[in-house]
Amino acid sequence: MSASASRWPYLLLVIPFLGTLYDPLYNRVQPTILGFPFFYWYQLAWVPVSVLLMGIVYRLRRGADSTDEAGS
């Protein structure tokens, strides 16, 4: 397995970065959820999404590492 092929899961970690990078996308008040303006709950929503993506990357990398060790 090539080095670039085994690193593709890391691209998933770019998603939260891009989702919070472009400020005009979420720099507004409406809609509100439970009284929280969109600006806050949008950013807070990225916390569990980021954790989920990091878990996926961890599992994929752990599986790739064990495959690399078995193949060596």
N, C-alpha and C. Protein backbone atom coordinates (compact mmCIF):
# COMPACT_ATOMS: atom_id res chain seq x y z
N MET A 1 0.86 -1.19 0.00
CA MET A 1 0.00 0.00 0.00
C MET A 1 0.89 1.23 0.00
N SER A 2 0.62 2.16 -0.88
CA SER A 2 1.44 3.36 -0.97
C SER A 2 1.14 4.32 0.18
N ALA A 3 2.09 5.20 0.44
CA ALA A 3 1.93 6.15 1.55
C ALA A 3 0.77 7.10 1.31
N SER A 4 0.58 7.54 0.08
CA SER A 4 -0.52 8.48 -0.19
C SER A 4 -1.88 7.80 -0.08
N ALA A 5 -1.96 6.53 -0.44
CA ALA A 5 -3.23 5.81 -0.34
C ALA A 5 -3.62 5.58 1.11
N SER A 6 -2.65 5.42 1.98
CA SER A 6 -2.96 5.16 3.38
C SER A 6 -3.27 6.44 4.17
N ARG A 7 -3.07 7.58 3.56
CA ARG A 7 -3.31 8.84 4.25
C ARG A 7 -4.60 9.52 3.86
N TRP A 8 -5.41 8.93 2.99
CA TRP A 8 -6.64 9.57 2.54
C TRP A 8 -7.61 9.85 3.68
N PRO A 9 -7.67 9.04 4.76
CA PRO A 9 -8.62 9.37 5.83
C PRO A 9 -8.36 10.73 6.48
N TYR A 10 -7.13 11.20 6.43
CA TYR A 10 -6.82 12.50 7.01
C TYR A 10 -7.54 13.64 6.31
N LEU A 11 -7.95 13.42 5.09
CA LEU A 11 -8.72 14.45 4.37
C LEU A 11 -10.06 14.72 5.04
N LEU A 12 -10.58 13.74 5.78
CA LEU A 12 -11.83 13.96 6.51
C LEU A 12 -11.69 15.04 7.58
N LEU A 13 -10.48 15.21 8.08
CA LEU A 13 -10.24 16.22 9.11
C LEU A 13 -10.27 17.64 8.56
N VAL A 14 -10.27 17.78 7.26
CA VAL A 14 -10.34 19.10 6.63
C VAL A 14 -11.79 19.63 6.66
N ILE A 15 -12.76 18.73 6.73
CA ILE A 15 -14.17 19.13 6.68
C ILE A 15 -14.54 20.11 7.80
N PRO A 16 -14.23 19.82 9.08
CA PRO A 16 -14.57 20.81 10.12
C PRO A 16 -13.82 22.13 9.95
N PHE A 17 -12.60 22.04 9.48
CA PHE A 17 -11.82 23.26 9.25
C PHE A 17 -12.50 24.14 8.22
N LEU A 18 -12.90 23.55 7.11
CA LEU A 18 -13.56 24.32 6.05
C LEU A 18 -14.94 24.80 6.49
N GLY A 19 -15.63 24.00 7.30
CA GLY A 19 -16.96 24.39 7.76
C GLY A 19 -16.96 25.60 8.68
N THR A 20 -15.87 25.83 9.36
CA THR A 20 -15.78 26.98 10.27
C THR A 20 -14.88 28.08 9.73
N LEU A 21 -14.25 27.85 8.61
CA LEU A 21 -13.30 28.83 8.07
C LEU A 21 -14.00 30.04 7.45
N TYR A 22 -15.05 29.82 6.71
CA TYR A 22 -15.71 30.89 5.98
C TYR A 22 -16.76 31.57 6.87
N ASP A 23 -16.34 32.60 7.55
CA ASP A 23 -17.17 33.30 8.53
C ASP A 23 -18.50 33.83 7.99
N PRO A 24 -18.57 34.43 6.81
CA PRO A 24 -19.87 34.93 6.33
C PRO A 24 -20.94 33.85 6.19
N LEU A 25 -20.55 32.60 6.16
CA LEU A 25 -21.51 31.51 6.08
C LEU A 25 -22.39 31.42 7.32
N TYR A 26 -21.83 31.70 8.49
CA TYR A 26 -22.58 31.54 9.73
C TYR A 26 -22.61 32.79 10.60
N ASN A 27 -22.17 33.91 10.10
CA ASN A 27 -22.15 35.15 10.87
C ASN A 27 -23.51 35.85 10.77
N ARG A 28 -24.49 35.28 11.44
CA ARG A 28 -25.84 35.85 11.48
C ARG A 28 -26.55 35.38 12.74
N VAL A 29 -27.69 35.96 13.02
CA VAL A 29 -28.43 35.65 14.24
C VAL A 29 -29.51 34.61 13.99
N GLN A 30 -30.22 34.74 12.89
CA GLN A 30 -31.34 33.84 12.60
C GLN A 30 -30.87 32.65 11.79
N PRO A 31 -31.38 31.49 11.97
CA PRO A 31 -32.41 31.05 12.90
C PRO A 31 -31.81 30.77 14.28
N THR A 32 -32.64 30.86 15.27
CA THR A 32 -32.21 30.56 16.63
C THR A 32 -32.75 29.20 17.05
N ILE A 33 -32.02 28.53 17.92
CA ILE A 33 -32.45 27.26 18.51
C ILE A 33 -32.33 27.39 20.02
N LEU A 34 -33.44 27.24 20.71
CA LEU A 34 -33.48 27.39 22.18
C LEU A 34 -32.90 28.72 22.62
N GLY A 35 -33.09 29.74 21.83
CA GLY A 35 -32.61 31.07 22.17
C GLY A 35 -31.18 31.35 21.77
N PHE A 36 -30.47 30.34 21.27
CA PHE A 36 -29.09 30.54 20.82
C PHE A 36 -29.08 31.02 19.38
N PRO A 37 -28.37 32.10 19.10
CA PRO A 37 -28.26 32.57 17.71
C PRO A 37 -27.53 31.54 16.84
N PHE A 38 -27.78 31.59 15.57
CA PHE A 38 -27.17 30.67 14.61
C PHE A 38 -25.66 30.63 14.75
N PHE A 39 -25.04 31.79 14.95
CA PHE A 39 -23.59 31.88 15.06
C PHE A 39 -23.05 30.91 16.11
N TYR A 40 -23.70 30.82 17.27
CA TYR A 40 -23.22 29.96 18.35
C TYR A 40 -23.55 28.50 18.12
N TRP A 41 -24.79 28.20 17.77
CA TRP A 41 -25.11 26.78 17.65
C TRP A 41 -24.48 26.15 16.43
N TYR A 42 -24.19 26.92 15.40
CA TYR A 42 -23.48 26.37 14.25
C TYR A 42 -22.07 25.93 14.65
N GLN A 43 -21.39 26.79 15.39
CA GLN A 43 -20.04 26.45 15.85
C GLN A 43 -20.07 25.28 16.82
N LEU A 44 -21.03 25.29 17.74
CA LEU A 44 -21.13 24.19 18.70
C LEU A 44 -21.51 22.88 18.02
N ALA A 45 -22.24 22.94 16.94
CA ALA A 45 -22.61 21.72 16.22
C ALA A 45 -21.38 21.04 15.61
N TRP A 46 -20.35 21.81 15.34
CA TRP A 46 -19.14 21.22 14.77
C TRP A 46 -18.36 20.40 15.78
N VAL A 47 -18.59 20.58 17.06
CA VAL A 47 -17.86 19.81 18.07
C VAL A 47 -18.16 18.31 17.95
N PRO A 48 -19.43 17.87 18.02
CA PRO A 48 -19.67 16.43 17.86
C PRO A 48 -19.35 15.91 16.46
N VAL A 49 -19.54 16.76 15.44
CA VAL A 49 -19.19 16.34 14.08
C VAL A 49 -17.68 16.09 13.99
N SER A 50 -16.89 16.97 14.58
CA SER A 50 -15.44 16.82 14.57
C SER A 50 -15.01 15.57 15.34
N VAL A 51 -15.64 15.33 16.47
CA VAL A 51 -15.32 14.13 17.26
C VAL A 51 -15.65 12.88 16.46
N LEU A 52 -16.78 12.87 15.80
CA LEU A 52 -17.18 11.73 14.98
C LEU A 52 -16.17 11.50 13.85
N LEU A 53 -15.79 12.55 13.16
CA LEU A 53 -14.82 12.42 12.08
C LEU A 53 -13.45 11.96 12.58
N MET A 54 -13.03 12.46 13.74
CA MET A 54 -11.76 12.02 14.30
C MET A 54 -11.81 10.55 14.69
N GLY A 55 -12.95 10.10 15.20
CA GLY A 55 -13.11 8.68 15.52
C GLY A 55 -13.05 7.82 14.27
N ILE A 56 -13.67 8.28 13.21
CA ILE A 56 -13.63 7.53 11.94
C ILE A 56 -12.20 7.44 11.43
N VAL A 57 -11.49 8.56 11.45
CA VAL A 57 -10.10 8.57 10.99
C VAL A 57 -9.25 7.65 11.87
N TYR A 58 -9.47 7.68 13.16
CA TYR A 58 -8.71 6.82 14.08
C TYR A 58 -8.95 5.35 13.75
N ARG A 59 -10.20 4.98 13.57
CA ARG A 59 -10.53 3.58 13.25
C ARG A 59 -9.93 3.16 11.92
N LEU A 60 -10.04 4.02 10.91
CA LEU A 60 -9.48 3.69 9.60
C LEU A 60 -7.97 3.57 9.65
N ARG A 61 -7.32 4.47 10.37
CA ARG A 61 -5.87 4.42 10.49
C ARG A 61 -5.41 3.22 11.31
N ARG A 62 -6.14 2.91 12.36
CA ARG A 62 -5.78 1.76 13.19
C ARG A 62 -5.89 0.47 12.38
N GLY A 63 -6.94 0.39 11.56
CA GLY A 63 -7.10 -0.77 10.69
C GLY A 63 -5.99 -0.83 9.64
N ALA A 64 -5.60 0.30 9.08
CA ALA A 64 -4.54 0.34 8.09
C ALA A 64 -3.21 -0.02 8.72
N ASP A 65 -2.97 0.43 9.95
CA ASP A 65 -1.72 0.11 10.62
C ASP A 65 -1.61 -1.38 10.90
N SER A 66 -2.71 -2.00 11.32
CA SER A 66 -2.66 -3.43 11.61
C SER A 66 -2.50 -4.23 10.32
N THR A 67 -3.06 -3.73 9.21
CA THR A 67 -2.88 -4.39 7.92
C THR A 67 -1.43 -4.27 7.46
N ASP A 68 -0.81 -3.10 7.68
CA ASP A 68 0.58 -2.89 7.30
C ASP A 68 1.49 -3.81 8.11
N GLU A 69 1.22 -3.97 9.40
CA GLU A 69 2.03 -4.83 10.25
C GLU A 69 1.89 -6.28 9.86
N ALA A 70 0.68 -6.70 9.49
CA ALA A 70 0.45 -8.10 9.10
C ALA A 70 1.14 -8.40 7.77
N GLY A 71 1.20 -7.40 6.90
CA GLY A 71 1.80 -7.60 5.59
C GLY A 71 3.32 -7.55 5.62
N SER A 72 3.90 -7.02 6.67
CA SER A 72 5.37 -6.89 6.74
C SER A 72 6.03 -8.17 7.12
